Amino acid sequence: MIKPGVWVKIKSKNAVGFVLEASYHGAIVYVIENGKPDGKHKYSYHRLVALEDELNTEDLLELARLAVDLNQKEWFMEITDRLREIPG
């Protein structure tokens, strides 16, 4: 099971998302498709791949910009915390 707060790639879509809620049956994901917010959607776990280790500095900076555009202060703080953990 994927936990809330994890970034995921949605299989068969050009989309990533942030898991908002997770249960035995699936996850509610805030989706970003083709670089644009697409809102909340529910997915079964077989459609999701965790991206925790796959996001690089450029990806995180883009997500930070999106968080600012969406006025999501808490999300922005989580992203900048992750940026600080990247060496170099």
PDB file of N, CA and C in Angstrom:
ATOM      1  N   MET A   1       0.849  -1.190   0.000  1.00  0.00           N
ATOM      2  CA  MET A   1       0.000   0.000   0.000  1.00  0.00           C
ATOM      3  C   MET A   1       0.887   1.243   0.000  1.00  0.00           C
ATOM      4  N   ILE A   2       0.534   2.205  -0.810  1.00  0.00           N
ATOM      5  CA  ILE A   2       1.253   3.474  -0.886  1.00  0.00           C
ATOM      6  C   ILE A   2       0.660   4.424   0.146  1.00  0.00           C
ATOM      7  N   LYS A   3       1.526   5.085   0.897  1.00  0.00           N
ATOM      8  CA  LYS A   3       1.080   5.956   1.984  1.00  0.00           C
ATOM      9  C   LYS A   3       0.794   7.375   1.492  1.00  0.00           C
ATOM     10  N   PRO A   4      -0.060   8.111   2.208  1.00  0.00           N
ATOM     11  CA  PRO A   4      -0.291   9.520   1.888  1.00  0.00           C
ATOM     12  C   PRO A   4       1.025  10.300   1.944  1.00  0.00           C
ATOM     13  N   GLY A   5       1.156  11.262   1.053  1.00  0.00           N
ATOM     14  CA  GLY A   5       2.354  12.079   1.010  1.00  0.00           C
ATOM     15  C   GLY A   5       3.375  11.617  -0.017  1.00  0.00           C
ATOM     16  N   VAL A   6       3.146  10.463  -0.617  1.00  0.00           N
ATOM     17  CA  VAL A   6       4.086   9.907  -1.590  1.00  0.00           C
ATOM     18  C   VAL A   6       3.720  10.387  -2.991  1.00  0.00           C
ATOM     19  N   TRP A   7       4.743  10.705  -3.782  1.00  0.00           N
ATOM     20  CA  TRP A   7       4.540  11.036  -5.191  1.00  0.00           C
ATOM     21  C   TRP A   7       4.472   9.750  -5.976  1.00  0.00           C
ATOM     22  N   VAL A   8       3.565   9.710  -6.951  1.00  0.00           N
ATOM     23  CA  VAL A   8       3.380   8.517  -7.771  1.00  0.00           C
ATOM     24  C   VAL A   8       3.296   8.891  -9.242  1.00  0.00           C
ATOM     25  N   LYS A   9       3.642   7.926 -10.081  1.00  0.00           N
ATOM     26  CA  LYS A   9       3.411   8.026 -11.526  1.00  0.00           C
ATOM     27  C   LYS A   9       2.170   7.202 -11.802  1.00  0.00           C
ATOM     28  N   ILE A  10       1.291   7.722 -12.640  1.00  0.00           N
ATOM     29  CA  ILE A  10       0.086   6.991 -13.005  1.00  0.00           C
ATOM     30  C   ILE A  10       0.373   6.253 -14.310  1.00  0.00           C
ATOM     31  N   LYS A  11       0.270   4.947 -14.274  1.00  0.00           N
ATOM     32  CA  LYS A  11       0.546   4.134 -15.460  1.00  0.00           C
ATOM     33  C   LYS A  11      -0.442   4.471 -16.575  1.00  0.00           C
ATOM     34  N   SER A  12       0.014   4.398 -17.795  1.00  0.00           N
ATOM     35  CA  SER A  12      -0.780   4.629 -19.010  1.00  0.00           C
ATOM     36  C   SER A  12      -1.233   6.079 -19.163  1.00  0.00           C
ATOM     37  N   LYS A  13      -0.615   7.008 -18.425  1.00  0.00           N
ATOM     38  CA  LYS A  13      -0.931   8.431 -18.558  1.00  0.00           C
ATOM     39  C   LYS A  13       0.371   9.217 -18.473  1.00  0.00           C
ATOM     40  N   ASN A  14       0.399  10.379 -19.059  1.00  0.00           N
ATOM     41  CA  ASN A  14       1.533  11.283 -18.892  1.00  0.00           C
ATOM     42  C   ASN A  14       1.235  12.134 -17.664  1.00  0.00           C
ATOM     43  N   ALA A  15       1.228  11.464 -16.498  1.00  0.00           N
ATOM     44  CA  ALA A  15       0.803  12.157 -15.291  1.00  0.00           C
ATOM     45  C   ALA A  15       1.539  11.621 -14.063  1.00  0.00           C
ATOM     46  N   VAL A  16       1.695  12.534 -13.103  1.00  0.00           N
ATOM     47  CA  VAL A  16       2.194  12.184 -11.785  1.00  0.00           C
ATOM     48  C   VAL A  16       1.171  12.713 -10.791  1.00  0.00           C
ATOM     49  N   GLY A  17       1.328  12.339  -9.543  1.00  0.00           N
ATOM     50  CA  GLY A  17       0.398  12.827  -8.546  1.00  0.00           C
ATOM     51  C   GLY A  17       0.934  12.671  -7.148  1.00  0.00           C
ATOM     52  N   PHE A  18       0.246  13.286  -6.226  1.00  0.00           N
ATOM     53  CA  PHE A  18       0.574  13.303  -4.812  1.00  0.00           C
ATOM     54  C   PHE A  18      -0.556  12.587  -4.086  1.00  0.00           C
ATOM     55  N   VAL A  19      -0.234  11.521  -3.365  1.00  0.00           N
ATOM     56  CA  VAL A  19      -1.254  10.731  -2.683  1.00  0.00           C
ATOM     57  C   VAL A  19      -1.794  11.522  -1.491  1.00  0.00           C
ATOM     58  N   LEU A  20      -3.094  11.801  -1.522  1.00  0.00           N
ATOM     59  CA  LEU A  20      -3.755  12.527  -0.451  1.00  0.00           C
ATOM     60  C   LEU A  20      -4.305  11.579   0.611  1.00  0.00           C
ATOM     61  N   GLU A  21      -4.910  10.480   0.169  1.00  0.00           N
ATOM     62  CA  GLU A  21      -5.510   9.487   1.072  1.00  0.00           C
ATOM     63  C   GLU A  21      -5.239   8.102   0.514  1.00  0.00           C
ATOM     64  N   ALA A  22      -5.120   7.142   1.413  1.00  0.00           N
ATOM     65  CA  ALA A  22      -4.908   5.760   0.973  1.00  0.00           C
ATOM     66  C   ALA A  22      -5.739   4.829   1.840  1.00  0.00           C
ATOM     67  N   SER A  23      -6.301   3.814   1.197  1.00  0.00           N
ATOM     68  CA  SER A  23      -7.066   2.805   1.919  1.00  0.00           C
ATOM     69  C   SER A  23      -6.740   1.448   1.306  1.00  0.00           C
ATOM     70  N   TYR A  24      -7.348   0.433   1.791  1.00  0.00           N
ATOM     71  CA  TYR A  24      -7.128  -0.912   1.290  1.00  0.00           C
ATOM     72  C   TYR A  24      -7.487  -1.024  -0.197  1.00  0.00           C
ATOM     73  N   HIS A  25      -8.467  -0.248  -0.625  1.00  0.00           N
ATOM     74  CA  HIS A  25      -8.998  -0.366  -1.981  1.00  0.00           C
ATOM     75  C   HIS A  25      -8.308   0.514  -3.020  1.00  0.00           C
ATOM     76  N   GLY A  26      -7.537   1.492  -2.580  1.00  0.00           N
ATOM     77  CA  GLY A  26      -6.890   2.376  -3.531  1.00  0.00           C
ATOM     78  C   GLY A  26      -6.475   3.680  -2.889  1.00  0.00           C
ATOM     79  N   ALA A  27      -6.154   4.652  -3.729  1.00  0.00           N
ATOM     80  CA  ALA A  27      -5.653   5.929  -3.241  1.00  0.00           C
ATOM     81  C   ALA A  27      -6.341   7.092  -3.947  1.00  0.00           C
ATOM     82  N   ILE A  28      -6.509   8.177  -3.212  1.00  0.00           N
ATOM     83  CA  ILE A  28      -6.966   9.445  -3.773  1.00  0.00           C
ATOM     84  C   ILE A  28      -5.694  10.229  -4.082  1.00  0.00           C
ATOM     85  N   VAL A  29      -5.540  10.612  -5.347  1.00  0.00           N
ATOM     86  CA  VAL A  29      -4.317  11.250  -5.812  1.00  0.00           C
ATOM     87  C   VAL A  29      -4.642  12.611  -6.403  1.00  0.00           C
ATOM     88  N   TYR A  30      -3.866  13.639  -6.018  1.00  0.00           N
ATOM     89  CA  TYR A  30      -3.968  14.931  -6.682  1.00  0.00           C
ATOM     90  C   TYR A  30      -3.102  14.823  -7.930  1.00  0.00           C
ATOM     91  N   VAL A  31      -3.703  14.877  -9.100  1.00  0.00           N
ATOM     92  CA  VAL A  31      -3.042  14.553 -10.354  1.00  0.00           C
ATOM     93  C   VAL A  31      -2.552  15.801 -11.084  1.00  0.00           C
ATOM     94  N   ILE A  32      -1.341  15.671 -11.661  1.00  0.00           N
ATOM     95  CA  ILE A  32      -0.783  16.684 -12.544  1.00  0.00           C
ATOM     96  C   ILE A  32      -0.532  15.977 -13.871  1.00  0.00           C
ATOM     97  N   GLU A  33      -1.329  16.334 -14.871  1.00  0.00           N
ATOM     98  CA  GLU A  33      -1.235  15.671 -16.172  1.00  0.00           C
ATOM     99  C   GLU A  33      -0.746  16.661 -17.220  1.00  0.00           C
ATOM    100  N   ASN A  34       0.287  16.269 -17.955  1.00  0.00           N
ATOM    101  CA  ASN A  34       0.890  17.136 -18.968  1.00  0.00           C
ATOM    102  C   ASN A  34       1.281  18.490 -18.384  1.00  0.00           C
ATOM    103  N   GLY A  35       1.758  18.479 -17.134  1.00  0.00           N
ATOM    104  CA  GLY A  35       2.230  19.695 -16.478  1.00  0.00           C
ATOM    105  C   GLY A  35       1.149  20.597 -15.929  1.00  0.00           C
ATOM    106  N   LYS A  36      -0.119  20.152 -15.976  1.00  0.00           N
ATOM    107  CA  LYS A  36      -1.221  20.986 -15.496  1.00  0.00           C
ATOM    108  C   LYS A  36      -2.020  20.255 -14.415  1.00  0.00           C
ATOM    109  N   PRO A  37      -2.477  20.970 -13.385  1.00  0.00           N
ATOM    110  CA  PRO A  37      -3.285  20.333 -12.342  1.00  0.00           C
ATOM    111  C   PRO A  37      -4.562  19.739 -12.930  1.00  0.00           C
ATOM    112  N   ASP A  38      -4.897  18.541 -12.497  1.00  0.00           N
ATOM    113  CA  ASP A  38      -6.090  17.857 -12.997  1.00  0.00           C
ATOM    114  C   ASP A  38      -7.033  17.456 -11.861  1.00  0.00           C
ATOM    115  N   GLY A  39      -6.744  17.886 -10.650  1.00  0.00           N
ATOM    116  CA  GLY A  39      -7.632  17.617  -9.527  1.00  0.00           C
ATOM    117  C   GLY A  39      -7.430  16.250  -8.896  1.00  0.00           C
ATOM    118  N   LYS A  40      -8.371  15.898  -8.029  1.00  0.00           N
ATOM    119  CA  LYS A  40      -8.309  14.641  -7.277  1.00  0.00           C
ATOM    120  C   LYS A  40      -8.964  13.508  -8.062  1.00  0.00           C
ATOM    121  N   HIS A  41      -8.294  12.353  -8.061  1.00  0.00           N
ATOM    122  CA  HIS A  41      -8.839  11.165  -8.711  1.00  0.00           C
ATOM    123  C   HIS A  41      -8.520   9.948  -7.860  1.00  0.00           C
ATOM    124  N   LYS A  42      -9.370   8.934  -7.939  1.00  0.00           N
ATOM    125  CA  LYS A  42      -9.142   7.699  -7.210  1.00  0.00           C
ATOM    126  C   LYS A  42      -8.566   6.647  -8.161  1.00  0.00           C
ATOM    127  N   TYR A  43      -7.516   5.948  -7.692  1.00  0.00           N
ATOM    128  CA  TYR A  43      -6.868   4.905  -8.488  1.00  0.00           C
ATOM    129  C   TYR A  43      -6.652   3.658  -7.645  1.00  0.00           C
ATOM    130  N   SER A  44      -6.705   2.510  -8.286  1.00  0.00           N
ATOM    131  CA  SER A  44      -6.304   1.272  -7.622  1.00  0.00           C
ATOM    132  C   SER A  44      -4.778   1.236  -7.639  1.00  0.00           C
ATOM    133  N   TYR A  45      -4.196   0.484  -6.725  1.00  0.00           N
ATOM    134  CA  TYR A  45      -2.742   0.481  -6.584  1.00  0.00           C
ATOM    135  C   TYR A  45      -2.005  -0.068  -7.791  1.00  0.00           C
ATOM    136  N   HIS A  46      -2.623  -0.941  -8.568  1.00  0.00           N
ATOM    137  CA  HIS A  46      -1.926  -1.477  -9.734  1.00  0.00           C
ATOM    138  C   HIS A  46      -1.696  -0.415 -10.812  1.00  0.00           C
ATOM    139  N   ARG A  47      -2.346   0.730 -10.707  1.00  0.00           N
ATOM    140  CA  ARG A  47      -2.166   1.827 -11.674  1.00  0.00           C
ATOM    141  C   ARG A  47      -1.120   2.840 -11.229  1.00  0.00           C
ATOM    142  N   LEU A  48      -0.554   2.661 -10.014  1.00  0.00           N
ATOM    143  CA  LEU A  48       0.368   3.639  -9.447  1.00  0.00           C
ATOM    144  C   LEU A  48       1.758   3.061  -9.226  1.00  0.00           C
ATOM    145  N   VAL A  49       2.780   3.895  -9.444  1.00  0.00           N
ATOM    146  CA  VAL A  49       4.167   3.532  -9.165  1.00  0.00           C
ATOM    147  C   VAL A  49       4.763   4.642  -8.305  1.00  0.00           C
ATOM    148  N   ALA A  50       5.284   4.298  -7.126  1.00  0.00           N
ATOM    149  CA  ALA A  50       5.880   5.284  -6.227  1.00  0.00           C
ATOM    150  C   ALA A  50       7.107   5.913  -6.868  1.00  0.00           C
ATOM    151  N   LEU A  51       7.255   7.233  -6.717  1.00  0.00           N
ATOM    152  CA  LEU A  51       8.369   7.967  -7.309  1.00  0.00           C
ATOM    153  C   LEU A  51       9.347   8.507  -6.279  1.00  0.00           C
ATOM    154  N   GLU A  52       9.254   8.101  -5.066  1.00  0.00           N
ATOM    155  CA  GLU A  52      10.078   8.672  -4.002  1.00  0.00           C
ATOM    156  C   GLU A  52      11.532   8.849  -4.392  1.00  0.00           C
ATOM    157  N   ASP A  53      12.138   7.866  -5.006  1.00  0.00           N
ATOM    158  CA  ASP A  53      13.554   7.941  -5.326  1.00  0.00           C
ATOM    159  C   ASP A  53      13.818   8.450  -6.729  1.00  0.00           C
ATOM    160  N   GLU A  54      12.792   8.692  -7.511  1.00  0.00           N
ATOM    161  CA  GLU A  54      12.983   9.059  -8.905  1.00  0.00           C
ATOM    162  C   GLU A  54      12.896  10.553  -9.185  1.00  0.00           C
ATOM    163  N   LEU A  55      12.445  11.353  -8.231  1.00  0.00           N
ATOM    164  CA  LEU A  55      12.332  12.787  -8.469  1.00  0.00           C
ATOM    165  C   LEU A  55      13.700  13.448  -8.309  1.00  0.00           C
ATOM    166  N   ASN A  56      14.119  14.204  -9.323  1.00  0.00           N
ATOM    167  CA  ASN A  56      15.403  14.895  -9.241  1.00  0.00           C
ATOM    168  C   ASN A  56      15.170  16.365  -8.890  1.00  0.00           C
ATOM    169  N   THR A  57      16.252  17.125  -8.804  1.00  0.00           N
ATOM    170  CA  THR A  57      16.165  18.531  -8.408  1.00  0.00           C
ATOM    171  C   THR A  57      15.254  19.318  -9.347  1.00  0.00           C
ATOM    172  N   GLU A  58      15.410  19.103 -10.646  1.00  0.00           N
ATOM    173  CA  GLU A  58      14.582  19.824 -11.619  1.00  0.00           C
ATOM    174  C   GLU A  58      13.096  19.511 -11.429  1.00  0.00           C
ATOM    175  N   ASP A  59      12.780  18.232 -11.199  1.00  0.00           N
ATOM    176  CA  ASP A  59      11.386  17.836 -10.960  1.00  0.00           C
ATOM    177  C   ASP A  59      10.841  18.531  -9.716  1.00  0.00           C
ATOM    178  N   LEU A  60      11.638  18.528  -8.651  1.00  0.00           N
ATOM    179  CA  LEU A  60      11.181  19.139  -7.404  1.00  0.00           C
ATOM    180  C   LEU A  60      10.993  20.649  -7.548  1.00  0.00           C
ATOM    181  N   LEU A  61      11.877  21.307  -8.294  1.00  0.00           N
ATOM    182  CA  LEU A  61      11.716  22.751  -8.514  1.00  0.00           C
ATOM    183  C   LEU A  61      10.440  23.051  -9.295  1.00  0.00           C
ATOM    184  N   GLU A  62      10.140  22.229 -10.288  1.00  0.00           N
ATOM    185  CA  GLU A  62       8.900  22.402 -11.056  1.00  0.00           C
ATOM    186  C   GLU A  62       7.681  22.210 -10.151  1.00  0.00           C
ATOM    187  N   LEU A  63       7.736  21.213  -9.285  1.00  0.00           N
ATOM    188  CA  LEU A  63       6.630  20.975  -8.354  1.00  0.00           C
ATOM    189  C   LEU A  63       6.499  22.124  -7.355  1.00  0.00           C
ATOM    190  N   ALA A  64       7.629  22.684  -6.934  1.00  0.00           N
ATOM    191  CA  ALA A  64       7.585  23.833  -6.020  1.00  0.00           C
ATOM    192  C   ALA A  64       6.890  25.019  -6.697  1.00  0.00           C
ATOM    193  N   ARG A  65       7.204  25.249  -7.985  1.00  0.00           N
ATOM    194  CA  ARG A  65       6.526  26.330  -8.733  1.00  0.00           C
ATOM    195  C   ARG A  65       5.020  26.080  -8.804  1.00  0.00           C
ATOM    196  N   LEU A  66       4.656  24.830  -9.053  1.00  0.00           N
ATOM    197  CA  LEU A  66       3.243  24.481  -9.125  1.00  0.00           C
ATOM    198  C   LEU A  66       2.563  24.725  -7.779  1.00  0.00           C
ATOM    199  N   ALA A  67       3.233  24.357  -6.696  1.00  0.00           N
ATOM    200  CA  ALA A  67       2.670  24.568  -5.361  1.00  0.00           C
ATOM    201  C   ALA A  67       2.429  26.058  -5.101  1.00  0.00           C
ATOM    202  N   VAL A  68       3.353  26.902  -5.549  1.00  0.00           N
ATOM    203  CA  VAL A  68       3.180  28.349  -5.402  1.00  0.00           C
ATOM    204  C   VAL A  68       1.990  28.817  -6.233  1.00  0.00           C
ATOM    205  N   ASP A  69       1.912  28.356  -7.484  1.00  0.00           N
ATOM    206  CA  ASP A  69       0.801  28.737  -8.361  1.00  0.00           C
ATOM    207  C   ASP A  69      -0.549  28.340  -7.768  1.00  0.00           C
ATOM    208  N   LEU A  70      -0.576  27.199  -7.072  1.00  0.00           N
ATOM    209  CA  LEU A  70      -1.817  26.705  -6.478  1.00  0.00           C
ATOM    210  C   LEU A  70      -2.052  27.226  -5.066  1.00  0.00           C
ATOM    211  N   ASN A  71      -1.117  28.056  -4.589  1.00  0.00           N
ATOM    212  CA  ASN A  71      -1.205  28.618  -3.245  1.00  0.00           C
ATOM    213  C   ASN A  71      -1.259  27.517  -2.176  1.00  0.00           C
ATOM    214  N   GLN A  72      -0.430  26.495  -2.347  1.00  0.00           N
ATOM    215  CA  GLN A  72      -0.378  25.346  -1.436  1.00  0.00           C
ATOM    216  C   GLN A  72       0.888  25.452  -0.573  1.00  0.00           C
ATOM    217  N   LYS A  73       0.814  26.236   0.497  1.00  0.00           N
ATOM    218  CA  LYS A  73       1.989  26.507   1.334  1.00  0.00           C
ATOM    219  C   LYS A  73       2.550  25.228   1.963  1.00  0.00           C
ATOM    220  N   GLU A  74       1.703  24.372   2.500  1.00  0.00           N
ATOM    221  CA  GLU A  74       2.173  23.149   3.163  1.00  0.00           C
ATOM    222  C   GLU A  74       2.895  22.237   2.166  1.00  0.00           C
ATOM    223  N   TRP A  75       2.332  22.074   1.005  1.00  0.00           N
ATOM    224  CA  TRP A  75       2.945  21.254  -0.035  1.00  0.00           C
ATOM    225  C   TRP A  75       4.291  21.852  -0.455  1.00  0.00           C
ATOM    226  N   PHE A  76       4.333  23.186  -0.615  1.00  0.00           N
ATOM    227  CA  PHE A  76       5.575  23.864  -0.966  1.00  0.00           C
ATOM    228  C   PHE A  76       6.653  23.597   0.083  1.00  0.00           C
ATOM    229  N   MET A  77       6.289  23.651   1.350  1.00  0.00           N
ATOM    230  CA  MET A  77       7.260  23.403   2.422  1.00  0.00           C
ATOM    231  C   MET A  77       7.777  21.968   2.373  1.00  0.00           C
ATOM    232  N   GLU A  78       6.921  21.011   2.077  1.00  0.00           N
ATOM    233  CA  GLU A  78       7.360  19.623   1.958  1.00  0.00           C
ATOM    234  C   GLU A  78       8.346  19.457   0.804  1.00  0.00           C
ATOM    235  N   ILE A  79       8.078  20.115  -0.300  1.00  0.00           N
ATOM    236  CA  ILE A  79       8.959  20.026  -1.463  1.00  0.00           C
ATOM    237  C   ILE A  79      10.313  20.656  -1.153  1.00  0.00           C
ATOM    238  N   THR A  80      10.310  21.829  -0.532  1.00  0.00           N
ATOM    239  CA  THR A  80      11.589  22.485  -0.230  1.00  0.00           C
ATOM    240  C   THR A  80      12.383  21.691   0.813  1.00  0.00           C
ATOM    241  N   ASP A  81      11.707  21.008   1.716  1.00  0.00           N
ATOM    242  CA  ASP A  81      12.416  20.127   2.650  1.00  0.00           C
ATOM    243  C   ASP A  81      13.140  19.031   1.886  1.00  0.00           C
ATOM    244  N   ARG A  82      12.483  18.457   0.893  1.00  0.00           N
ATOM    245  CA  ARG A  82      13.109  17.417   0.075  1.00  0.00           C
ATOM    246  C   ARG A  82      14.275  17.970  -0.735  1.00  0.00           C
ATOM    247  N   LEU A  83      14.157  19.207  -1.207  1.00  0.00           N
ATOM    248  CA  LEU A  83      15.257  19.823  -1.951  1.00  0.00           C
ATOM    249  C   LEU A  83      16.494  19.980  -1.075  1.00  0.00           C
ATOM    250  N   ARG A  84      16.293  20.310   0.185  1.00  0.00           N
ATOM    251  CA  ARG A  84      17.416  20.482   1.107  1.00  0.00           C
ATOM    252  C   ARG A  84      18.146  19.163   1.370  1.00  0.00           C
ATOM    253  N   GLU A  85      17.456  18.046   1.198  1.00  0.00           N
ATOM    254  CA  GLU A  85      18.053  16.736   1.449  1.00  0.00           C
ATOM    255  C   GLU A  85      18.938  16.254   0.295  1.00  0.00           C
ATOM    256  N   ILE A  86      18.828  16.901  -0.864  1.00  0.00           N
ATOM    257  CA  ILE A  86      19.598  16.480  -2.028  1.00  0.00           C
ATOM    258  C   ILE A  86      21.024  17.022  -1.891  1.00  0.00           C
ATOM    259  N   PRO A  87      22.031  16.141  -1.946  1.00  0.00           N
ATOM    260  CA  PRO A  87      23.419  16.596  -1.815  1.00  0.00           C
ATOM    261  C   PRO A  87      23.857  17.455  -3.004  1.00  0.00           C
ATOM    262  N   GLY A  88      24.770  18.383  -2.724  1.00  0.00           N
ATOM    263  CA  GLY A  88      25.370  19.187  -3.793  1.00  0.00           C
ATOM    264  C   GLY A  88      24.672  20.447  -3.983  1.00  0.00           C
TER     265      GLY A  88
END
